[in-house]
N, C-alpha and C. Protein backbone atom coordinates (compact mmCIF):
# COMPACT_ATOMS: atom_id res chain seq x y z
N MET A 1 136.44 129.58 188.56
CA MET A 1 136.46 128.70 188.02
C MET A 1 137.00 127.16 188.31
N HIS A 2 136.33 126.25 188.27
CA HIS A 2 137.27 124.68 188.33
C HIS A 2 137.63 123.98 187.16
N SER A 3 138.12 123.40 187.59
CA SER A 3 138.86 122.64 186.14
C SER A 3 138.05 121.37 185.82
N ASP A 4 137.97 121.31 184.45
CA ASP A 4 137.22 120.31 183.58
C ASP A 4 137.89 119.24 183.27
N PRO A 5 137.56 118.06 183.26
CA PRO A 5 138.49 116.79 183.33
C PRO A 5 138.98 116.51 181.91
N GLY A 6 137.64 116.58 180.91
CA GLY A 6 137.44 116.71 179.55
C GLY A 6 137.63 117.97 178.69
N ALA A 7 138.67 118.66 179.23
CA ALA A 7 138.57 119.84 178.46
C ALA A 7 140.03 120.31 177.76
N GLY A 8 140.60 118.97 177.43
CA GLY A 8 141.65 118.78 176.87
C GLY A 8 142.03 117.80 175.83
N THR A 9 140.28 116.89 175.78
CA THR A 9 140.05 115.83 174.75
C THR A 9 139.28 116.25 173.75
N PRO A 10 139.04 116.00 172.28
CA PRO A 10 138.15 116.42 171.66
C PRO A 10 136.90 115.82 171.55
N HIS A 11 135.87 116.55 171.36
CA HIS A 11 134.46 116.04 171.69
C HIS A 11 134.44 115.51 170.47
N PRO A 12 133.88 114.21 170.36
CA PRO A 12 133.42 112.98 169.38
C PRO A 12 131.94 113.58 168.65
N GLY A 13 132.35 114.11 167.35
CA GLY A 13 131.53 114.40 165.90
C GLY A 13 131.08 115.74 166.38
N GLY A 14 131.77 116.73 167.68
CA GLY A 14 131.87 118.25 167.60
C GLY A 14 132.61 118.89 166.60
N THR A 15 132.26 119.79 165.99
CA THR A 15 133.44 120.69 165.22
C THR A 15 133.68 121.59 166.00
N ASP A 16 134.76 122.51 165.19
CA ASP A 16 135.50 123.20 166.18
C ASP A 16 134.96 124.50 166.52
N ASP A 17 133.66 124.78 166.02
CA ASP A 17 133.21 126.20 165.81
C ASP A 17 132.16 125.96 167.27
N GLU A 18 131.80 124.68 167.10
CA GLU A 18 131.36 124.19 168.42
C GLU A 18 132.01 124.10 169.69
N VAL A 19 133.34 123.23 169.79
CA VAL A 19 133.98 123.88 171.14
C VAL A 19 134.23 125.34 170.79
N TRP A 20 134.82 125.86 170.13
CA TRP A 20 134.47 127.12 170.61
C TRP A 20 133.51 127.81 171.36
N ARG A 21 132.73 127.78 170.45
CA ARG A 21 131.43 128.29 171.41
C ARG A 21 131.51 128.27 173.03
N ASP A 22 131.42 126.58 172.98
CA ASP A 22 131.67 125.89 173.98
C ASP A 22 132.41 126.87 175.41
N LEU A 23 133.74 126.87 174.83
CA LEU A 23 134.74 127.44 175.92
C LEU A 23 134.60 128.90 175.89
N VAL A 24 133.90 129.74 174.92
CA VAL A 24 133.65 130.80 175.17
C VAL A 24 132.43 130.94 176.00
N ALA A 25 131.35 130.13 176.40
CA ALA A 25 130.13 130.78 176.56
C ALA A 25 130.64 130.05 178.25
N ARG A 26 131.76 129.18 178.69
CA ARG A 26 132.04 129.32 180.04
C ARG A 26 133.15 129.94 180.33
N LEU A 27 133.82 130.79 179.80
CA LEU A 27 134.74 131.81 180.14
C LEU A 27 133.93 132.98 180.19
N GLU A 28 132.69 133.28 179.74
CA GLU A 28 131.98 134.53 179.71
C GLU A 28 131.20 134.05 181.21
N GLU A 29 130.75 133.34 181.78
CA GLU A 29 129.78 133.20 182.93
C GLU A 29 130.55 132.70 184.09
N PRO A 30 131.16 133.45 185.20
CA PRO A 30 132.04 133.51 185.96
C PRO A 30 131.17 132.52 187.20
N GLU A 31 131.49 131.20 187.92
CA GLU A 31 131.04 130.84 188.82
C GLU A 31 130.44 131.19 190.27
N ASP A 32 131.58 132.03 190.13
CA ASP A 32 131.88 132.47 191.72
C ASP A 32 130.82 133.77 191.29
N SER A 33 130.36 134.75 192.15
CA SER A 33 129.72 136.19 192.00
C SER A 33 130.25 137.00 193.30
N PHE A 34 131.78 136.67 193.28
CA PHE A 34 132.44 137.32 194.30
C PHE A 34 132.62 139.19 193.96
N LEU A 35 132.41 139.62 192.82
CA LEU A 35 132.31 141.21 192.78
C LEU A 35 130.93 141.42 192.74
N ASP A 36 130.00 141.04 192.18
CA ASP A 36 128.80 141.35 192.35
C ASP A 36 128.15 140.80 194.07
N ALA A 37 128.45 140.75 194.65
CA ALA A 37 127.80 140.40 196.08
C ALA A 37 128.05 141.27 196.56
N PRO A 38 126.69 141.87 197.41
CA PRO A 38 126.84 143.62 197.99
C PRO A 38 126.83 143.30 199.18
N ASP A 39 127.42 142.58 200.04
CA ASP A 39 127.99 142.78 201.48
C ASP A 39 129.06 141.58 201.76
N ALA A 40 129.61 141.77 202.59
CA ALA A 40 130.59 141.01 203.28
C ALA A 40 129.90 139.33 203.46
N THR A 41 128.52 139.31 203.78
CA THR A 41 127.84 137.67 204.22
C THR A 41 127.97 136.56 202.89
N ALA A 42 127.50 137.76 201.61
CA ALA A 42 127.36 136.59 200.41
C ALA A 42 129.00 136.29 200.05
N LEU A 43 129.99 136.67 200.54
CA LEU A 43 131.42 136.33 199.91
C LEU A 43 131.63 134.86 199.85
N PRO A 44 132.15 134.08 199.47
CA PRO A 44 132.60 133.00 199.56
C PRO A 44 133.76 132.57 200.93
N PRO A 45 133.37 131.50 201.77
CA PRO A 45 134.18 131.63 203.01
C PRO A 45 135.71 131.30 203.04
N ALA A 46 135.95 131.73 203.58
CA ALA A 46 137.68 131.91 204.02
C ALA A 46 138.08 130.79 203.89
N THR A 47 139.02 130.08 203.53
CA THR A 47 139.88 128.97 203.96
C THR A 47 141.26 129.02 204.56
N VAL A 48 141.95 130.60 204.85
CA VAL A 48 142.81 130.76 205.49
C VAL A 48 142.73 131.32 206.79
N GLU A 49 143.82 131.81 207.31
CA GLU A 49 143.95 131.74 208.93
C GLU A 49 143.13 133.23 209.32
N PRO A 50 142.54 133.28 210.18
CA PRO A 50 142.29 134.85 210.39
C PRO A 50 142.77 135.82 210.97
N ASP A 51 144.23 135.52 211.24
CA ASP A 51 145.28 136.69 210.93
C ASP A 51 145.92 136.86 210.02
N THR A 52 145.42 136.31 208.76
CA THR A 52 146.26 136.71 207.55
C THR A 52 145.79 137.81 206.87
N LYS A 53 146.14 138.76 206.34
CA LYS A 53 145.76 139.67 205.58
C LYS A 53 145.71 139.55 204.53
N GLY A 54 144.58 140.09 203.71
CA GLY A 54 144.63 139.77 201.95
C GLY A 54 144.39 141.26 201.47
N VAL A 55 144.17 141.33 200.05
CA VAL A 55 144.05 142.68 199.25
C VAL A 55 143.22 143.04 200.16
N VAL A 56 142.10 142.92 200.32
CA VAL A 56 140.75 143.99 200.99
C VAL A 56 141.31 144.96 202.01
N ASP A 57 142.28 144.10 203.00
CA ASP A 57 143.23 144.97 204.20
C ASP A 57 143.62 145.96 203.63
N PHE A 58 144.74 145.86 202.59
CA PHE A 58 145.64 146.46 202.41
C PHE A 58 145.12 147.27 200.97
N ASP A 59 144.16 147.99 200.90
CA ASP A 59 143.83 148.81 199.48
C ASP A 59 143.87 150.07 199.71
N PRO A 60 144.72 150.71 199.55
CA PRO A 60 145.14 152.29 199.75
C PRO A 60 144.15 153.13 198.74
N LEU A 61 143.68 152.79 197.62
CA LEU A 61 143.14 153.08 196.42
C LEU A 61 141.59 152.86 196.38
N GLY A 62 141.34 152.17 197.11
CA GLY A 62 139.88 151.38 197.13
C GLY A 62 139.92 151.20 196.08
N VAL A 63 140.64 150.01 195.32
CA VAL A 63 140.29 149.63 193.83
C VAL A 63 139.25 148.25 194.26
N TRP A 64 139.33 147.02 195.20
CA TRP A 64 138.81 146.17 196.09
C TRP A 64 137.05 146.48 196.55
N GLN A 65 136.42 148.01 196.73
CA GLN A 65 135.60 148.71 197.07
C GLN A 65 134.75 149.23 196.12
N ARG A 66 133.37 148.11 196.77
CA ARG A 66 132.56 148.88 195.36
C ARG A 66 132.15 150.35 195.50
N GLN A 67 131.95 150.96 194.53
CA GLN A 67 131.41 151.85 194.34
C GLN A 67 129.88 152.38 194.42
N GLU A 68 129.51 153.23 195.73
CA GLU A 68 128.19 153.48 195.44
C GLU A 68 127.31 154.59 194.26
N ALA A 69 128.19 154.89 193.63
CA ALA A 69 127.59 156.25 192.53
C ALA A 69 128.86 156.28 191.31
N PRO A 70 128.35 156.23 190.20
CA PRO A 70 129.52 156.48 189.00
C PRO A 70 130.31 157.61 189.88
N ALA A 71 131.23 157.51 188.93
CA ALA A 71 132.26 158.67 188.95
C ALA A 71 132.15 159.85 188.67
N PRO A 72 132.62 161.02 188.94
CA PRO A 72 132.39 162.03 188.09
C PRO A 72 132.85 162.55 187.18
N MET A 73 132.56 163.22 185.96
CA MET A 73 133.30 163.19 184.31
C MET A 73 133.93 164.15 184.69
N GLU A 74 133.28 165.53 185.26
CA GLU A 74 134.11 166.42 185.05
C GLU A 74 134.04 167.34 186.67
N ARG A 75 134.76 168.29 187.07
CA ARG A 75 134.64 169.45 188.04
C ARG A 75 133.18 169.93 188.05
N PRO A 76 132.59 170.57 189.03
CA PRO A 76 131.58 171.25 188.82
C PRO A 76 132.02 172.54 188.42
N GLY A 77 131.54 173.30 187.67
CA GLY A 77 131.91 174.82 187.28
C GLY A 77 132.74 174.78 186.46
N THR A 78 133.01 173.80 185.90
CA THR A 78 134.34 173.80 184.89
C THR A 78 133.35 173.89 183.44
N ASP A 79 133.64 175.33 182.80
CA ASP A 79 133.08 176.04 181.21
C ASP A 79 134.04 175.06 180.51
N TYR A 80 133.34 175.21 179.02
CA TYR A 80 134.32 174.68 177.96
C TYR A 80 134.00 175.10 177.02
N THR A 81 134.92 175.67 175.97
CA THR A 81 134.89 177.01 175.07
C THR A 81 134.87 176.22 173.71
N ALA A 82 134.52 176.64 172.65
CA ALA A 82 133.47 175.59 171.26
C ALA A 82 134.51 174.83 170.83
N ASP A 83 135.88 174.71 171.44
CA ASP A 83 136.94 173.50 170.85
C ASP A 83 136.79 172.68 171.60
N GLY A 84 136.09 172.58 172.81
CA GLY A 84 136.09 171.51 173.87
C GLY A 84 137.15 171.80 174.63
N ALA A 85 137.78 172.88 174.84
CA ALA A 85 139.05 172.77 176.04
C ALA A 85 138.44 173.75 176.88
N PRO A 86 138.63 173.18 178.22
CA PRO A 86 138.44 174.64 179.16
C PRO A 86 138.72 175.66 179.30
N SER A 87 137.81 176.54 179.43
CA SER A 87 138.00 177.96 179.40
C SER A 87 138.95 178.27 181.23
N GLN A 88 139.04 177.98 181.97
CA GLN A 88 139.55 177.99 183.49
C GLN A 88 140.82 177.05 183.01
N GLY A 89 141.77 177.76 183.71
CA GLY A 89 142.90 177.01 183.96
C GLY A 89 144.17 177.76 184.81
N PRO A 90 145.24 177.25 184.58
CA PRO A 90 146.41 177.89 185.75
C PRO A 90 146.21 178.99 184.82
N ARG A 91 146.55 179.24 183.86
CA ARG A 91 147.19 180.87 183.25
C ARG A 91 146.13 181.29 182.76
N ASP A 92 144.80 182.14 183.43
CA ASP A 92 143.52 182.83 181.97
C ASP A 92 143.55 183.50 181.55
N TYR A 93 145.35 184.27 180.87
CA TYR A 93 145.39 185.20 180.25
C TYR A 93 146.19 184.68 179.25
N VAL A 94 146.61 185.73 177.72
CA VAL A 94 147.38 185.22 176.93
C VAL A 94 148.43 185.58 177.06
N ALA A 95 149.59 184.54 176.90
CA ALA A 95 151.08 185.62 177.33
C ALA A 95 151.68 186.10 176.46
N GLU A 96 152.30 187.30 176.97
CA GLU A 96 152.60 188.44 175.59
C GLU A 96 154.15 187.66 175.17
N ASP A 97 154.03 188.07 174.14
CA ASP A 97 155.23 187.57 173.20
C ASP A 97 156.41 188.66 173.49
N ASP A 98 157.62 188.35 173.86
CA ASP A 98 158.79 189.08 173.71
C ASP A 98 159.04 189.75 172.02
N ASP A 99 159.17 191.08 172.05
CA ASP A 99 159.37 191.45 170.91
C ASP A 99 160.67 191.60 170.86
N GLU A 100 161.37 191.76 171.83
CA GLU A 100 162.98 191.77 171.69
C GLU A 100 163.70 190.63 172.08
N GLY A 101 164.04 190.06 170.99
CA GLY A 101 164.55 188.58 171.10
C GLY A 101 165.82 188.63 171.90
N PHE A 102 166.67 187.75 171.60
CA PHE A 102 167.89 187.57 172.20
C PHE A 102 168.47 187.25 171.26
N VAL A 103 169.94 188.26 170.96
CA VAL A 103 170.73 188.51 170.15
C VAL A 103 172.22 188.15 170.81
N PRO A 104 172.96 187.36 170.22
CA PRO A 104 173.92 186.91 170.71
C PRO A 104 174.89 187.87 170.32
N GLU A 105 175.64 188.03 170.80
CA GLU A 105 177.04 189.13 170.39
C GLU A 105 178.03 188.25 169.74
N GLU A 106 178.69 188.74 168.68
CA GLU A 106 179.08 188.14 167.40
C GLU A 106 180.64 187.30 167.66
N LEU A 107 180.59 186.27 167.46
CA LEU A 107 182.01 185.54 168.14
C LEU A 107 183.15 185.86 167.36
N PRO A 108 184.29 186.40 167.99
CA PRO A 108 185.39 186.58 167.19
C PRO A 108 186.13 185.52 165.86
N SER A 109 186.56 186.26 165.21
CA SER A 109 186.92 185.33 164.18
C SER A 109 188.06 184.06 164.52
N LEU A 110 188.16 183.24 163.74
CA LEU A 110 189.30 182.26 164.62
C LEU A 110 190.84 182.74 163.67
N ALA A 111 190.55 183.66 162.74
CA ALA A 111 191.84 184.12 161.52
C ALA A 111 192.57 185.08 163.07
N ASN A 112 191.57 185.52 163.78
CA ASN A 112 192.56 186.40 164.37
C ASN A 112 193.27 185.87 166.21
N SER A 113 192.65 184.54 166.34
CA SER A 113 193.10 183.98 167.35
C SER A 113 194.57 182.96 167.54
N GLU A 114 194.88 183.14 168.35
CA GLU A 114 196.43 182.48 169.01
C GLU A 114 196.33 180.83 168.12
N PRO A 115 197.52 181.11 167.15
CA PRO A 115 197.86 179.24 166.45
C PRO A 115 197.71 178.33 167.38
N ALA A 116 198.53 178.61 168.29
CA ALA A 116 198.64 177.80 169.58
C ALA A 116 197.32 176.82 169.78
N ILE A 117 196.30 177.39 170.09
CA ILE A 117 195.15 177.31 170.11
C ILE A 117 194.20 176.73 169.77
N VAL A 118 194.82 177.11 168.57
CA VAL A 118 193.71 176.70 167.27
C VAL A 118 194.02 175.06 167.03
N LEU A 119 195.29 175.27 167.08
CA LEU A 119 196.23 173.49 166.65
C LEU A 119 195.93 172.71 168.23
N SER A 120 195.44 173.18 169.21
CA SER A 120 195.30 172.29 170.31
C SER A 120 193.56 172.28 170.24
N TRP A 121 193.02 173.20 170.07
CA TRP A 121 191.93 172.09 169.97
C TRP A 121 191.69 171.48 168.54
N ILE A 122 192.34 171.58 167.36
CA ILE A 122 192.62 170.59 166.73
C ILE A 122 192.78 169.04 166.74
N GLY A 123 193.74 169.05 167.76
CA GLY A 123 194.55 167.96 168.00
C GLY A 123 193.64 167.23 169.55
N ALA A 124 192.95 168.25 170.29
CA ALA A 124 191.64 167.84 171.12
C ALA A 124 191.01 166.91 170.75
N ALA A 125 190.22 167.76 169.71
CA ALA A 125 188.93 167.63 169.37
C ALA A 125 189.03 166.40 168.27
N GLY A 126 190.07 167.08 166.75
CA GLY A 126 190.49 166.07 165.99
C GLY A 126 190.81 164.96 166.04
N GLY A 127 191.54 164.79 166.88
CA GLY A 127 192.22 163.42 167.24
C GLY A 127 191.31 162.03 167.51
N PRO A 128 190.39 162.16 168.11
CA PRO A 128 189.42 160.70 168.43
C PRO A 128 188.85 160.77 166.96
N ILE A 129 187.97 162.01 166.63
CA ILE A 129 187.16 161.82 165.38
C ILE A 129 187.82 160.98 164.41
N PHE A 130 189.22 161.89 163.94
CA PHE A 130 190.29 160.62 163.06
C PHE A 130 190.27 159.20 163.28
N LEU A 131 190.43 158.63 164.55
CA LEU A 131 190.59 157.72 165.41
C LEU A 131 189.42 156.68 165.05
N VAL A 132 188.37 157.30 164.82
CA VAL A 132 186.97 156.97 165.11
C VAL A 132 186.90 156.29 163.79
N ILE A 133 187.34 157.83 162.71
CA ILE A 133 186.76 157.25 161.27
C ILE A 133 187.73 156.19 160.66
N ALA A 134 188.97 156.48 160.86
CA ALA A 134 189.90 155.71 160.43
C ALA A 134 189.66 154.05 160.75
N ALA A 135 189.24 153.78 162.11
CA ALA A 135 189.04 152.38 162.38
C ALA A 135 188.16 152.27 161.18
N ILE A 136 186.93 152.84 161.25
CA ILE A 136 185.67 152.23 160.08
C ILE A 136 186.45 152.15 158.73
N PHE A 137 187.07 152.91 158.36
CA PHE A 137 187.18 153.27 156.92
C PHE A 137 188.96 152.76 156.60
N TRP A 138 189.60 152.76 157.58
CA TRP A 138 191.00 152.29 157.26
C TRP A 138 191.89 151.40 157.93
N ARG A 139 191.70 150.28 158.14
CA ARG A 139 192.18 149.29 158.68
C ARG A 139 193.62 148.48 158.78
N GLN A 140 193.79 149.21 157.70
CA GLN A 140 195.13 148.74 157.59
C GLN A 140 195.96 150.49 158.21
N ILE A 141 195.76 150.99 158.86
CA ILE A 141 196.57 152.37 159.59
C ILE A 141 197.42 152.01 160.18
N PRO A 142 199.05 152.48 160.04
CA PRO A 142 200.18 152.21 160.55
C PRO A 142 200.28 152.69 161.93
N MET A 143 201.27 152.22 162.65
CA MET A 143 200.75 152.16 164.12
C MET A 143 201.44 153.41 164.60
N MET A 144 202.21 153.69 163.63
CA MET A 144 203.04 154.98 164.46
C MET A 144 202.00 156.46 163.94
N LEU A 145 200.92 156.37 163.04
CA LEU A 145 200.16 157.24 162.72
C LEU A 145 199.02 157.22 164.17
N VAL A 146 198.58 156.17 164.32
CA VAL A 146 198.01 156.03 165.75
C VAL A 146 198.69 156.90 166.57
N ILE A 147 200.41 156.22 167.12
CA ILE A 147 200.68 156.94 168.09
C ILE A 147 200.55 158.10 168.22
N GLY A 148 201.05 158.91 167.05
CA GLY A 148 201.09 160.23 166.66
C GLY A 148 200.01 161.12 166.93
N VAL A 149 198.99 160.76 166.25
CA VAL A 149 197.60 160.94 166.99
C VAL A 149 197.37 161.15 168.64
N ILE A 150 197.24 160.09 169.04
CA ILE A 150 196.74 159.91 170.18
C ILE A 150 198.04 160.83 171.07
N ALA A 151 199.75 161.28 170.53
CA ALA A 151 200.06 162.28 170.99
C ALA A 151 199.42 163.25 170.70
N ALA A 152 198.86 163.60 169.76
CA ALA A 152 198.19 165.01 169.62
C ALA A 152 197.13 165.14 170.32
N PHE A 153 196.46 164.35 170.71
CA PHE A 153 195.25 164.37 171.49
C PHE A 153 195.93 164.93 173.33
N LEU A 154 196.85 163.93 173.27
CA LEU A 154 197.10 164.31 174.58
C LEU A 154 197.98 165.88 174.75
N ALA A 155 198.56 165.93 173.92
CA ALA A 155 199.85 167.37 173.77
C ALA A 155 198.74 168.66 173.73
N GLY A 156 197.54 168.34 173.05
CA GLY A 156 196.34 169.49 172.58
C GLY A 156 195.67 169.65 174.32
N THR A 157 194.86 168.95 174.80
CA THR A 157 193.90 168.53 175.71
C THR A 157 195.00 168.97 176.90
N GLY A 158 196.66 168.86 176.95
CA GLY A 158 196.87 168.95 178.12
C GLY A 158 197.66 170.54 177.90
N TYR A 159 197.55 171.48 176.62
CA TYR A 159 198.06 172.83 176.19
C TYR A 159 196.76 173.42 176.90
N LEU A 160 195.40 173.38 176.52
CA LEU A 160 194.08 173.71 176.70
C LEU A 160 193.96 173.73 178.32
N LEU A 161 194.10 172.45 178.80
CA LEU A 161 194.07 172.68 180.56
C LEU A 161 194.72 173.51 180.96
N TYR A 162 196.30 173.69 180.58
CA TYR A 162 197.27 174.28 181.00
C TYR A 162 196.67 176.38 181.12
N ARG A 163 196.45 176.20 179.77
CA ARG A 163 195.57 177.76 180.09
C ARG A 163 194.83 178.13 180.38
N LEU A 164 194.37 177.37 181.07
CA LEU A 164 192.86 177.82 181.64
C LEU A 164 193.40 178.71 182.75
N PRO A 165 192.51 179.46 182.70
CA PRO A 165 192.59 180.61 183.93
C PRO A 165 192.72 179.86 185.65
N ASN A 166 193.41 180.56 186.08
CA ASN A 166 193.88 179.96 187.58
C ASN A 166 192.70 180.34 188.50
N HIS A 167 192.27 181.78 188.54
CA HIS A 167 191.40 182.15 189.54
C HIS A 167 190.25 182.62 188.70
N ARG A 168 189.11 183.15 189.67
CA ARG A 168 187.71 183.76 188.70
C ARG A 168 188.00 185.45 189.04
N ASP A 169 187.70 186.05 187.92
CA ASP A 169 187.95 187.48 188.19
C ASP A 169 186.70 188.35 189.02
N HIS A 170 185.22 187.49 188.63
CA HIS A 170 184.30 188.07 189.71
C HIS A 170 184.19 187.49 190.86
N ASP A 171 183.45 188.27 191.91
CA ASP A 171 183.28 188.03 193.31
C ASP A 171 182.02 187.98 193.26
N SER A 172 181.07 187.02 192.98
CA SER A 172 179.71 187.07 193.16
C SER A 172 179.23 185.48 193.54
N GLY A 173 180.06 184.97 194.58
CA GLY A 173 180.33 183.73 195.39
C GLY A 173 180.13 182.72 194.54
N ASP A 174 178.80 181.80 195.22
CA ASP A 174 179.36 180.35 194.44
C ASP A 174 177.87 180.57 193.23
N GLY A 175 177.28 181.45 192.73
CA GLY A 175 176.12 181.99 191.76
C GLY A 175 176.68 181.60 190.18
N ALA A 176 175.88 182.15 189.28
CA ALA A 176 176.43 181.91 188.27
C ALA A 176 176.30 183.84 187.79
N VAL A 177 177.56 184.06 186.46
CA VAL A 177 177.51 185.49 186.46
C VAL A 177 176.79 185.84 185.15
N VAL A 178 176.06 186.82 185.20
CA VAL A 178 174.83 187.07 183.87
C VAL A 178 175.55 188.59 183.12
């Protein structure tokens, strides 16, 4: 498209509707027929050097090439069911539901566990949660309480890390134990 020197000035005596229709008409009719050209001889002459590569030279998907026939809508031999889904697929059978569901073993009660481990978990998990909630709702929290909660977090985390086993009991290599 080429520029119109009078495009920015209003037409004398014309209404907005006439100007709009004129603009739409100019945009709907392209002046060059680049995509409608049947062969390369009808293309506009190139003004670039012959060694320069363009879009057509690198077109791995064939976007700029004219299609000879319309693209097929479906693969040949594809049958469809009544609801419009293909009848063939990667799994042409109905998967059986497992009647046996996974039932995890019952967890041990916290009442029977060691008090030191329970207190360590309260310090390790509850300390950061308490500090976040206190920062939101209790703006004038005493500094000694903050230091105490941080100390409880560090002590609880340290005790839990200390209680980790030093070696593995199984000899299954690097794989998971089921």
